[in-house]
Amino acid sequence: MKRQVSYQWRLREVMATRGIFVASDLSPLLADRGIELSSVQVWRLVTQTPERLSLPVLAALCDILDVTPADLIATKAENAAPRRTAASGGADVVDLAATVRPKRARVRPDK
């Protein structure tokens, strides 16, 4: 059985609990730890869910906010519903090989 895995990025919530409400307040704290990101990159990090995140950035965020990675990333895994397929031999299934036959082509030489 396949598993469906998802995650929720909780940086904004954790920042709010630590009294940091503006993304621009995070930039100097990251710079103090050797992480140089543009203001747009920091804003995206705070407001959007990242698809990729470097470990040095994650470690710096954990140090700044005094949390673990599990506090920033809430994961969820559940069984995926099996895909349904059409039943073979049902009344609504048409066997095209038995019902449709192509006509034989006649090739005539040009005159």
C-alpha atoms as a PDB file:
ATOM      1  CA  MET A   1       0.000   0.000   0.000  1.00  0.00           C
ATOM      2  CA  LYS A   2       1.300   3.452  -0.865  1.00  0.00           C
ATOM      3  CA  ARG A   3       1.636   6.225   1.698  1.00  0.00           C
ATOM      4  CA  GLN A   4       0.808   9.867   1.088  1.00  0.00           C
ATOM      5  CA  VAL A   5       3.272  12.160   2.871  1.00  0.00           C
ATOM      6  CA  SER A   6       2.702  15.871   3.438  1.00  0.00           C
ATOM      7  CA  TYR A   7       4.151  18.601   5.626  1.00  0.00           C
ATOM      8  CA  GLN A   8       3.238  21.997   7.022  1.00  0.00           C
ATOM      9  CA  TRP A   9       5.788  24.815   7.325  1.00  0.00           C
ATOM     10  CA  ARG A  10       5.194  26.532  10.667  1.00  0.00           C
ATOM     11  CA  LEU A  11       7.924  29.229  10.651  1.00  0.00           C
ATOM     12  CA  ARG A  12       5.480  32.139  10.800  1.00  0.00           C
ATOM     13  CA  GLU A  13       3.630  30.645  13.796  1.00  0.00           C
ATOM     14  CA  VAL A  14       6.846  29.926  15.689  1.00  0.00           C
ATOM     15  CA  MET A  15       8.163  33.437  14.935  1.00  0.00           C
ATOM     16  CA  ALA A  16       4.959  34.940  16.358  1.00  0.00           C
ATOM     17  CA  THR A  17       5.319  32.974  19.588  1.00  0.00           C
ATOM     18  CA  ARG A  18       8.836  34.432  19.931  1.00  0.00           C
ATOM     19  CA  GLY A  19       7.648  38.012  19.302  1.00  0.00           C
ATOM     20  CA  ILE A  20       8.990  38.292  15.746  1.00  0.00           C
ATOM     21  CA  PHE A  21       6.168  39.493  13.508  1.00  0.00           C
ATOM     22  CA  VAL A  22       7.991  40.932  10.488  1.00  0.00           C
ATOM     23  CA  ALA A  23      10.104  38.938   8.028  1.00  0.00           C
ATOM     24  CA  SER A  24      12.660  41.738   7.809  1.00  0.00           C
ATOM     25  CA  ASP A  25      13.443  41.283  11.533  1.00  0.00           C
ATOM     26  CA  LEU A  26      14.755  37.818  10.688  1.00  0.00           C
ATOM     27  CA  SER A  27      17.405  38.987   8.178  1.00  0.00           C
ATOM     28  CA  PRO A  28      19.939  40.411  10.681  1.00  0.00           C
ATOM     29  CA  LEU A  29      19.503  37.384  12.945  1.00  0.00           C
ATOM     30  CA  LEU A  30      20.305  35.077  10.025  1.00  0.00           C
ATOM     31  CA  ALA A  31      23.270  37.273   9.025  1.00  0.00           C
ATOM     32  CA  ASP A  32      24.678  36.964  12.575  1.00  0.00           C
ATOM     33  CA  ARG A  33      24.825  33.216  11.955  1.00  0.00           C
ATOM     34  CA  GLY A  34      26.499  33.495   8.552  1.00  0.00           C
ATOM     35  CA  ILE A  35      23.373  33.095   6.422  1.00  0.00           C
ATOM     36  CA  GLU A  36      23.181  35.840   3.787  1.00  0.00           C
ATOM     37  CA  LEU A  37      19.726  35.928   2.156  1.00  0.00           C
ATOM     38  CA  SER A  38      18.076  38.769   0.274  1.00  0.00           C
ATOM     39  CA  SER A  39      15.009  40.402   1.776  1.00  0.00           C
ATOM     40  CA  VAL A  40      12.848  38.687  -0.864  1.00  0.00           C
ATOM     41  CA  GLN A  41      14.302  35.274   0.005  1.00  0.00           C
ATOM     42  CA  VAL A  42      13.613  35.823   3.707  1.00  0.00           C
ATOM     43  CA  TRP A  43      10.081  37.025   2.937  1.00  0.00           C
ATOM     44  CA  ARG A  44       9.421  33.892   0.840  1.00  0.00           C
ATOM     45  CA  LEU A  45      10.879  31.702   3.569  1.00  0.00           C
ATOM     46  CA  VAL A  46       8.464  33.201   6.091  1.00  0.00           C
ATOM     47  CA  THR A  47       5.312  33.510   3.959  1.00  0.00           C
ATOM     48  CA  GLN A  48       5.503  30.450   1.694  1.00  0.00           C
ATOM     49  CA  THR A  49       6.139  26.755   2.171  1.00  0.00           C
ATOM     50  CA  PRO A  50       9.627  25.964   0.872  1.00  0.00           C
ATOM     51  CA  GLU A  51      10.095  22.939  -1.371  1.00  0.00           C
ATOM     52  CA  ARG A  52      13.846  22.875  -0.689  1.00  0.00           C
ATOM     53  CA  LEU A  53      15.666  24.159   2.361  1.00  0.00           C
ATOM     54  CA  SER A  54      19.375  23.980   3.079  1.00  0.00           C
ATOM     55  CA  LEU A  55      20.431  22.476   6.376  1.00  0.00           C
ATOM     56  CA  PRO A  56      22.520  25.529   7.400  1.00  0.00           C
ATOM     57  CA  VAL A  57      19.407  27.741   7.022  1.00  0.00           C
ATOM     58  CA  LEU A  58      17.300  25.265   8.998  1.00  0.00           C
ATOM     59  CA  ALA A  59      19.950  25.055  11.722  1.00  0.00           C
ATOM     60  CA  ALA A  60      20.157  28.863  11.912  1.00  0.00           C
ATOM     61  CA  LEU A  61      16.361  29.173  12.192  1.00  0.00           C
ATOM     62  CA  CYS A  62      16.332  26.571  14.956  1.00  0.00           C
ATOM     63  CA  ASP A  63      19.076  28.464  16.814  1.00  0.00           C
ATOM     64  CA  ILE A  64      17.374  31.858  16.395  1.00  0.00           C
ATOM     65  CA  LEU A  65      13.981  30.612  17.567  1.00  0.00           C
ATOM     66  CA  ASP A  66      15.336  28.064  20.095  1.00  0.00           C
ATOM     67  CA  VAL A  67      13.303  25.212  18.577  1.00  0.00           C
ATOM     68  CA  THR A  68      13.902  21.861  16.898  1.00  0.00           C
ATOM     69  CA  PRO A  69      13.232  21.088  13.219  1.00  0.00           C
ATOM     70  CA  ALA A  70      10.133  19.166  14.323  1.00  0.00           C
ATOM     71  CA  ASP A  71       8.717  22.426  15.714  1.00  0.00           C
ATOM     72  CA  LEU A  72       9.141  24.129  12.331  1.00  0.00           C
ATOM     73  CA  ILE A  73       7.997  21.250  10.117  1.00  0.00           C
ATOM     74  CA  ALA A  74       4.843  19.335  11.012  1.00  0.00           C
ATOM     75  CA  THR A  75       4.719  16.094   9.014  1.00  0.00           C
ATOM     76  CA  LYS A  76       1.791  13.858   8.226  1.00  0.00           C
ATOM     77  CA  ALA A  77       1.711  10.421   6.563  1.00  0.00           C
ATOM     78  CA  GLU A  78      -1.382   8.412   5.731  1.00  0.00           C
ATOM     79  CA  ASN A  79      -2.322   5.497   3.539  1.00  0.00           C
ATOM     80  CA  ALA A  80      -3.259   6.549   0.020  1.00  0.00           C
ATOM     81  CA  ALA A  81      -6.552   5.313  -1.350  1.00  0.00           C
ATOM     82  CA  PRO A  82      -6.031   2.610  -3.974  1.00  0.00           C
ATOM     83  CA  ARG A  83      -6.683   3.651  -7.551  1.00  0.00           C
ATOM     84  CA  ARG A  84      -9.837   2.259  -9.048  1.00  0.00           C
ATOM     85  CA  THR A  85      -9.600   0.551 -12.410  1.00  0.00           C
ATOM     86  CA  ALA A  86     -12.317  -0.424 -14.851  1.00  0.00           C
ATOM     87  CA  ALA A  87     -13.625  -3.925 -14.352  1.00  0.00           C
ATOM     88  CA  SER A  88     -12.743  -6.237 -17.198  1.00  0.00           C
ATOM     89  CA  GLY A  89     -15.554  -7.939 -19.055  1.00  0.00           C
ATOM     90  CA  GLY A  90     -18.244  -5.555 -17.825  1.00  0.00           C
ATOM     91  CA  ALA A  91     -21.305  -4.714 -19.904  1.00  0.00           C
ATOM     92  CA  ASP A  92     -20.081  -1.171 -20.575  1.00  0.00           C
ATOM     93  CA  VAL A  93     -16.651  -2.256 -21.873  1.00  0.00           C
ATOM     94  CA  VAL A  94     -16.387  -2.561 -25.669  1.00  0.00           C
ATOM     95  CA  ASP A  95     -13.700  -4.761 -27.207  1.00  0.00           C
ATOM     96  CA  LEU A  96     -12.615  -2.663 -30.187  1.00  0.00           C
ATOM     97  CA  ALA A  97     -10.483  -5.466 -31.651  1.00  0.00           C
ATOM     98  CA  ALA A  98     -13.576  -7.641 -32.066  1.00  0.00           C
ATOM     99  CA  THR A  99     -16.033  -4.971 -33.222  1.00  0.00           C
ATOM    100  CA  VAL A 100     -14.048  -2.572 -35.403  1.00  0.00           C
ATOM    101  CA  ARG A 101     -12.010  -3.873 -38.341  1.00  0.00           C
ATOM    102  CA  PRO A 102     -10.107  -1.510 -40.569  1.00  0.00           C
ATOM    103  CA  LYS A 103     -10.729  -1.679 -44.317  1.00  0.00           C
ATOM    104  CA  ARG A 104      -7.927  -3.016 -46.457  1.00  0.00           C
ATOM    105  CA  ALA A 105      -6.207  -0.272 -48.408  1.00  0.00           C
ATOM    106  CA  ARG A 106      -5.849  -0.535 -52.182  1.00  0.00           C
ATOM    107  CA  VAL A 107      -2.680   0.907 -53.598  1.00  0.00           C
ATOM    108  CA  ARG A 108      -3.002   1.901 -57.264  1.00  0.00           C
ATOM    109  CA  PRO A 109      -0.098   2.959 -59.428  1.00  0.00           C
ATOM    110  CA  ASP A 110      -0.194   6.524 -60.743  1.00  0.00           C
ATOM    111  CA  LYS A 111      -1.087   6.800 -64.417  1.00  0.00           C
END
